Amino acid sequence: MTGSPRTDATHRPAAPQRIDPPSRPAPTATTGRAAPQYVRPERAASRAELGAFLRSRRERISPEQVGLPAGRRRRTPGLRREEVAQLSGVGVTWYTWLEQGRPINVSAQVIGGIARTLRLDCVEYEHVKRLACIPSLATLRAEDEVDSDTQTVLDDFATLPAVVLNGRYDVLAHNALYARMFPSLVAAPRERRNLIWELFTRPACCNPFHEWRQACEGVVGVLRGSYARNVGDPLWTAFVDELTAASPEFATAWAAHPVSLTRTRTKLFRHRDVGLLHVRGMPTDLATSPGQRMSVYVPQGEATRERLARLAAPDFVPSPPHEHPPR
C-alpha cells in the first residue's frame, strides 16, 4: 500500500540557506587592488568628518595654484578628485572612497602627500592625522619626559651646547647655548623639533650642517639601529613614512639600510651670525631615563671656542631669519 509523502514538521525538506555575497573590499591607495580593513563603529564618524574636511580643502585650491590649466568653466570650485589623486600619487578610486569615509587603509605617508597637495598648514595637517587615526609625532610619552635633575645638568653647561635626544633624534631638552646654536630647530613645532628632520628638510641656504652628506650617512645609520628596536611602533612608522615622503635624499639613504653605533664624532656646523663651529659631540646614555642620551658639544680649536663665547654672551642679539616659500 502506497501513501502520500509525510509532511510533518520533522520531515519537511530543509529550506535552502541564504548566502550573502561578501562585501566588496576597499582598494589600496596606489594599486587600486582590494585591501579589506575593518573600521570600528566609533571611527566611522571620524572618517566621515575627514572626508568632509578634505572636500572643503580641495574646493579652496584652484588649478592654477598647483600648476594645472584652468580649462573650461567648472561646475564646482577647486580641484577635481582625480586631480588631487594624481598630484598626491594615489588611485582615483581610493581617494574617492577616502572622501566618502569608506573603510580603507590609510598610511601616514599617503596622508602627507595629500596634505602637501591641498596645501594644509601644520594645524590642519595634525587635524587630518587625528581624523585618520594616525599617531601624531607630537604625542608625548613617558620615556620622552626629561626630569628636573637632567635639565639642571644641561643648564650647568653654560659655555657648552648640550641637548637630550631620544632614539628618533627628537629634541627633548636643551640648554640656552644649544638654542642659540640651532635657533630654527628649537623654535619648530614639537612634532618637527627633530635633528634628522632639520638635517634633511632645512633649505641649503640655512642648513646648520656644513658637511651635509657626511652628517646624513652617520645619523641615518644610528637611526636604523634604533628603529630595529622599535619595529611596529606607530610613532616610529609615522616618522619614517613622513620623512621619506618629505625628503628624497632621506628615502635613498634609508633604503640602503646603513647601520652604525652612536659614538663620539667631530662635527662642523654653520651659524649665520658667528660662522663655522668645529665641535666634538660627546654622547652619553642616561641611566635614569632609558632611551634618552645627552650630547655635549666640545669646541675643537680656539676659533670655535671664541665663537661659542660670542653666542653665549648676555648681549648677543641674533640676526632675524629669512623666510622661505612653503614646501
Protein backbone atom coordinates (compact mmCIF):
# COMPACT_ATOMS: atom_id res chain seq x y z
CA MET A 1 0.00 0.00 0.00
CA THR A 2 1.37 3.31 -1.01
CA GLY A 3 0.67 6.57 0.74
CA SER A 4 1.38 10.23 0.33
CA PRO A 5 4.77 11.51 1.50
CA ARG A 6 4.97 12.53 5.12
CA THR A 7 4.72 16.25 5.58
CA ASP A 8 5.05 16.66 9.33
CA ALA A 9 7.47 19.22 10.66
CA THR A 10 10.21 16.72 11.37
CA HIS A 11 10.40 15.53 7.76
CA ARG A 12 9.92 18.72 5.79
CA PRO A 13 12.68 19.44 3.29
CA ALA A 14 15.14 22.00 4.63
CA ALA A 15 14.86 25.43 3.08
CA PRO A 16 17.93 26.43 1.09
CA GLN A 17 20.32 28.53 3.19
CA ARG A 18 20.82 32.07 2.00
CA ILE A 19 24.45 33.01 1.47
CA ASP A 20 25.09 36.72 1.15
CA PRO A 21 27.89 37.73 -1.18
CA PRO A 22 30.93 39.13 0.59
CA SER A 23 31.12 42.88 0.79
CA ARG A 24 33.42 44.46 -1.71
CA PRO A 25 36.79 45.29 -0.13
CA ALA A 26 38.34 48.69 -0.49
CA PRO A 27 41.18 49.49 -2.88
CA THR A 28 44.63 50.42 -1.69
CA ALA A 29 45.99 53.91 -2.26
CA THR A 30 48.47 53.15 -5.02
CA THR A 31 47.41 49.94 -6.75
CA GLY A 32 43.63 50.04 -6.62
CA ARG A 33 43.58 46.36 -5.57
CA ALA A 34 41.38 45.16 -2.76
CA ALA A 35 42.69 45.59 0.77
CA PRO A 36 39.94 44.80 3.30
CA GLN A 37 40.06 46.65 6.56
CA TYR A 38 37.54 46.68 9.37
CA VAL A 39 36.76 50.08 10.85
CA ARG A 40 35.19 50.08 14.29
CA PRO A 41 31.89 51.96 14.60
CA GLU A 42 33.44 54.64 16.81
CA ARG A 43 35.83 55.52 13.97
CA ALA A 44 33.11 55.86 11.34
CA ALA A 45 32.25 59.39 12.47
CA SER A 46 35.92 60.39 12.27
CA ARG A 47 36.19 59.05 8.73
CA ALA A 48 33.07 60.97 7.69
CA GLU A 49 34.48 64.16 9.22
CA LEU A 50 37.81 63.50 7.46
CA GLY A 51 36.06 63.23 4.10
CA ALA A 52 34.14 66.45 4.65
CA PHE A 53 37.31 68.28 5.68
CA LEU A 54 39.28 67.07 2.65
CA ARG A 55 36.44 68.13 0.34
CA SER A 56 36.40 71.61 1.87
CA ARG A 57 40.15 72.00 1.38
CA ARG A 58 40.04 70.58 -2.15
CA GLU A 59 37.43 73.14 -3.12
CA ARG A 60 39.56 76.09 -1.99
CA ILE A 61 42.57 75.18 -4.22
CA SER A 62 42.45 76.46 -7.79
CA PRO A 63 44.07 74.50 -10.66
CA GLU A 64 46.45 77.40 -11.27
CA GLN A 65 47.80 77.13 -7.71
CA VAL A 66 49.10 73.61 -8.39
CA GLY A 67 50.29 74.22 -11.94
CA LEU A 68 47.27 72.84 -13.80
CA PRO A 69 45.47 74.65 -16.65
CA ALA A 70 42.14 76.16 -15.71
CA GLY A 71 40.40 74.66 -18.74
CA ARG A 72 36.68 75.06 -19.22
CA ARG A 73 34.46 76.55 -16.56
CA ARG A 74 33.92 74.13 -13.68
CA ARG A 75 30.61 73.36 -12.09
CA THR A 76 32.18 73.36 -8.63
CA PRO A 77 35.12 75.39 -7.33
CA GLY A 78 38.54 73.97 -6.67
CA LEU A 79 40.28 70.80 -7.79
CA ARG A 80 38.60 67.64 -9.00
CA ARG A 81 39.10 64.42 -7.07
CA GLU A 82 41.08 62.87 -9.90
CA GLU A 83 43.42 65.87 -9.90
CA VAL A 84 44.09 65.56 -6.17
CA ALA A 85 44.71 61.83 -6.62
CA GLN A 86 47.13 62.39 -9.49
CA LEU A 87 49.08 65.12 -7.69
CA SER A 88 49.24 63.03 -4.50
CA GLY A 89 50.31 59.81 -6.23
CA VAL A 90 47.26 57.76 -5.21
CA GLY A 91 44.49 55.98 -7.08
CA VAL A 92 41.36 57.91 -8.06
CA THR A 93 39.02 55.26 -6.65
CA TRP A 94 40.96 55.12 -3.39
CA TYR A 95 40.85 58.90 -2.94
CA THR A 96 37.14 58.98 -3.81
CA TRP A 97 36.44 56.38 -1.15
CA LEU A 98 38.59 58.31 1.34
CA GLU A 99 36.39 61.38 0.87
CA GLN A 100 33.32 59.16 1.21
CA GLY A 101 34.51 57.87 4.58
CA ARG A 102 34.85 54.25 3.48
CA PRO A 103 36.87 51.66 5.47
CA ILE A 104 40.16 51.79 3.56
CA ASN A 105 43.82 51.59 4.57
CA VAL A 106 45.35 54.99 5.33
CA SER A 107 49.07 55.49 5.98
CA ALA A 108 50.96 58.50 7.31
CA GLN A 109 52.98 58.73 4.09
CA VAL A 110 49.88 58.92 1.86
CA ILE A 111 48.16 61.43 4.14
CA GLY A 112 51.35 63.51 4.00
CA GLY A 113 51.21 63.59 0.20
CA ILE A 114 47.56 64.65 0.20
CA ALA A 115 48.32 67.35 2.78
CA ARG A 116 51.01 68.82 0.54
CA THR A 117 48.71 68.78 -2.50
CA LEU A 118 45.96 70.56 -0.55
CA ARG A 119 48.50 72.96 0.99
CA LEU A 120 47.47 72.24 4.56
CA ASP A 121 49.22 74.16 7.30
CA CYS A 122 50.60 72.47 10.43
CA VAL A 123 47.36 72.76 12.39
CA GLU A 124 45.27 71.38 9.51
CA TYR A 125 47.74 68.55 8.95
CA GLU A 126 47.58 67.45 12.59
CA HIS A 127 43.77 67.66 12.40
CA VAL A 128 43.73 65.35 9.36
CA LYS A 129 46.02 62.84 11.06
CA ARG A 130 43.79 62.75 14.13
CA LEU A 131 40.71 62.12 11.99
CA ALA A 132 42.55 59.39 10.07
CA CYS A 133 43.59 57.80 13.40
CA ILE A 134 47.28 58.19 12.53
CA PRO A 135 49.54 58.64 15.58
CA SER A 136 50.89 62.15 15.86
CA LEU A 137 54.60 62.73 16.29
CA ALA A 138 53.63 65.35 18.87
CA THR A 139 52.39 62.62 21.21
CA LEU A 140 54.31 62.86 24.47
CA ARG A 141 55.29 59.55 26.00
CA ALA A 142 56.58 58.87 29.48
CA GLU A 143 60.01 57.88 28.16
CA ASP A 144 60.29 61.28 26.46
CA GLU A 145 59.88 63.22 29.70
CA VAL A 146 63.11 64.83 30.91
CA ASP A 147 63.44 65.01 34.69
CA SER A 148 64.42 68.18 36.50
CA ASP A 149 67.86 66.88 37.52
CA THR A 150 68.77 66.28 33.88
CA GLN A 151 67.66 69.81 32.96
CA THR A 152 69.82 71.16 35.79
CA VAL A 153 72.85 69.36 34.36
CA LEU A 154 72.10 70.80 30.91
CA ASP A 155 71.84 74.32 32.29
CA ASP A 156 75.14 73.94 34.16
CA PHE A 157 76.93 73.60 30.82
CA ALA A 158 76.80 77.37 30.38
CA THR A 159 79.69 77.53 27.89
CA LEU A 160 78.94 74.29 26.01
CA PRO A 161 75.87 73.48 23.86
CA ALA A 162 74.06 70.46 25.33
CA VAL A 163 70.91 68.56 24.33
CA VAL A 164 68.90 65.47 25.30
CA LEU A 165 67.66 63.32 22.40
CA ASN A 166 65.71 60.08 22.11
CA GLY A 167 66.30 57.30 19.58
CA ARG A 168 64.44 59.20 16.84
CA TYR A 169 66.60 62.29 17.43
CA ASP A 170 63.66 64.23 18.86
CA VAL A 171 64.95 67.21 20.86
CA LEU A 172 63.56 66.59 24.35
CA ALA A 173 65.51 69.25 26.28
CA HIS A 174 68.42 71.62 25.73
CA ASN A 175 70.33 74.46 27.33
CA ALA A 176 70.41 78.13 26.34
CA LEU A 177 73.58 77.90 24.23
CA TYR A 178 72.18 75.00 22.20
CA ALA A 179 69.12 77.14 21.45
CA ARG A 180 71.36 79.94 20.16
CA MET A 181 73.36 77.47 18.09
CA PHE A 182 70.23 75.92 16.49
CA PRO A 183 67.54 78.63 16.65
CA SER A 184 65.30 77.27 13.88
CA LEU A 185 65.36 73.75 15.33
CA VAL A 186 64.30 74.67 18.88
CA ALA A 187 61.67 77.11 17.56
CA ALA A 188 59.98 74.44 15.43
CA PRO A 189 56.63 72.89 16.47
CA ARG A 190 57.04 69.94 18.79
CA GLU A 191 56.35 67.35 16.08
CA ARG A 192 59.12 68.85 13.93
CA ARG A 193 61.67 69.52 16.68
CA ASN A 194 63.83 66.70 15.39
CA LEU A 195 67.51 66.79 14.43
CA ILE A 196 67.14 64.44 11.45
CA TRP A 197 64.10 66.32 10.15
CA GLU A 198 66.14 69.54 10.38
CA LEU A 199 69.06 67.92 8.56
CA PHE A 200 67.04 66.61 5.62
CA THR A 201 64.39 69.32 5.14
CA ARG A 202 66.09 72.61 6.00
CA PRO A 203 66.99 74.52 2.78
CA ALA A 204 70.69 74.51 1.92
CA CYS A 205 70.97 78.28 2.41
CA CYS A 206 70.38 77.96 6.15
CA ASN A 207 71.00 74.30 6.95
CA PRO A 208 73.22 74.26 10.05
CA PHE A 209 75.06 71.12 8.93
CA HIS A 210 78.10 72.27 6.96
CA GLU A 211 79.26 68.81 5.88
CA TRP A 212 75.77 67.73 4.94
CA ARG A 213 76.42 64.44 3.17
CA GLN A 214 78.74 63.06 5.85
CA ALA A 215 76.21 64.01 8.53
CA CYS A 216 73.45 62.18 6.64
CA GLU A 217 75.38 58.93 6.46
CA GLY A 218 76.12 58.95 10.18
CA VAL A 219 72.72 59.79 11.61
CA VAL A 220 70.72 57.52 9.28
CA GLY A 221 72.89 54.58 10.33
CA VAL A 222 72.28 55.29 14.01
CA LEU A 223 68.55 55.81 13.34
CA ARG A 224 68.39 52.40 11.64
CA GLY A 225 69.84 50.77 14.73
CA SER A 226 67.26 52.44 16.96
CA TYR A 227 64.46 51.60 14.53
CA ALA A 228 65.29 47.89 14.79
CA ARG A 229 64.42 48.08 18.50
CA ASN A 230 61.09 49.77 17.73
CA VAL A 231 59.77 47.92 14.67
CA GLY A 232 55.98 48.14 14.63
CA ASP A 233 55.82 51.19 16.91
CA PRO A 234 53.27 53.51 15.26
CA LEU A 235 55.21 56.68 16.13
CA TRP A 236 58.36 55.31 14.55
CA THR A 237 56.45 54.16 11.47
CA ALA A 238 54.80 57.57 11.11
CA PHE A 239 58.14 59.38 11.47
CA VAL A 240 59.92 57.29 8.83
CA ASP A 241 56.95 57.47 6.44
CA GLU A 242 56.62 61.24 6.72
CA LEU A 243 60.35 61.93 6.34
CA THR A 244 60.55 59.52 3.39
CA ALA A 245 57.78 61.49 1.71
CA ALA A 246 59.35 64.86 2.56
CA SER A 247 62.95 64.11 1.54
CA PRO A 248 64.08 62.07 -1.49
CA GLU A 249 67.60 62.15 -0.02
CA PHE A 250 66.40 60.50 3.19
CA ALA A 251 64.38 57.95 1.22
CA THR A 252 67.51 56.95 -0.71
CA ALA A 253 69.69 56.78 2.40
CA TRP A 254 67.07 54.82 4.34
CA ALA A 255 66.61 52.30 1.53
CA ALA A 256 70.35 51.50 1.66
CA HIS A 257 69.89 50.07 5.20
CA PRO A 258 73.00 51.60 6.81
CA VAL A 259 73.64 50.64 10.43
CA SER A 260 76.09 52.28 12.82
CA LEU A 261 76.57 52.89 16.52
CA THR A 262 76.25 56.15 18.41
CA ARG A 263 79.80 57.32 19.03
CA THR A 264 81.88 60.42 19.54
CA ARG A 265 82.03 62.37 16.29
CA THR A 266 83.66 65.55 15.09
CA LYS A 267 81.06 67.84 13.53
CA LEU A 268 81.17 71.06 11.55
CA PHE A 269 78.18 73.39 11.89
CA ARG A 270 77.44 76.68 10.16
CA HIS A 271 75.92 79.56 12.13
CA ARG A 272 74.58 82.63 10.34
CA ASP A 273 75.98 85.06 12.92
CA VAL A 274 79.33 83.65 14.07
CA GLY A 275 80.40 81.38 11.20
CA LEU A 276 81.74 77.81 11.29
CA LEU A 277 81.69 75.86 14.55
CA HIS A 278 84.02 72.86 14.79
CA VAL A 279 82.88 70.71 17.73
CA ARG A 280 83.10 67.17 19.02
CA GLY A 281 79.83 65.57 20.09
CA MET A 282 80.12 63.64 23.35
CA PRO A 283 77.00 61.39 23.69
CA THR A 284 76.13 59.73 26.98
CA ASP A 285 73.21 57.35 27.60
CA LEU A 286 71.14 58.41 30.61
CA ALA A 287 70.91 55.50 33.05
CA THR A 288 67.92 57.05 34.81
CA SER A 289 65.98 57.54 31.55
CA PRO A 290 66.26 54.54 29.19
CA GLY A 291 66.13 55.55 25.54
CA GLN A 292 67.49 59.05 26.19
CA ARG A 293 71.01 60.31 25.65
CA MET A 294 72.70 63.61 26.39
CA SER A 295 75.08 65.11 23.83
CA VAL A 296 77.52 67.86 24.79
CA TYR A 297 79.39 69.73 22.04
CA VAL A 298 83.02 70.43 22.94
CA PRO A 299 84.78 73.11 20.83
CA GLN A 300 87.74 71.98 18.73
CA GLY A 301 90.20 74.85 18.45
CA GLU A 302 90.42 78.36 19.81
CA ALA A 303 88.41 79.91 16.96
CA THR A 304 85.33 77.81 17.76
CA ARG A 305 85.76 78.44 21.48
CA GLU A 306 85.70 82.20 20.86
CA ARG A 307 82.65 81.93 18.58
CA LEU A 308 80.73 79.92 21.17
CA ALA A 309 81.66 82.55 23.76
CA ARG A 310 80.13 85.22 21.50
CA LEU A 311 76.94 83.16 21.22
CA ALA A 312 76.78 82.72 24.99
CA ALA A 313 77.33 86.41 25.75
CA PRO A 314 74.40 88.11 27.55
CA ASP A 315 74.37 90.95 24.99
CA PHE A 316 74.26 88.66 21.94
CA VAL A 317 71.48 89.65 19.52
CA PRO A 318 70.73 87.13 16.74
CA SER A 319 70.00 88.31 13.23
CA PRO A 320 66.42 87.70 12.05
CA PRO A 321 65.89 84.55 9.96
CA HIS A 322 64.92 84.91 6.32
CA GLU A 323 61.68 83.40 5.08
CA HIS A 324 61.25 80.51 2.65
CA PRO A 325 58.28 79.66 0.43
CA PRO A 326 56.13 76.74 1.65
CA ARG A 327 57.47 73.30 0.79
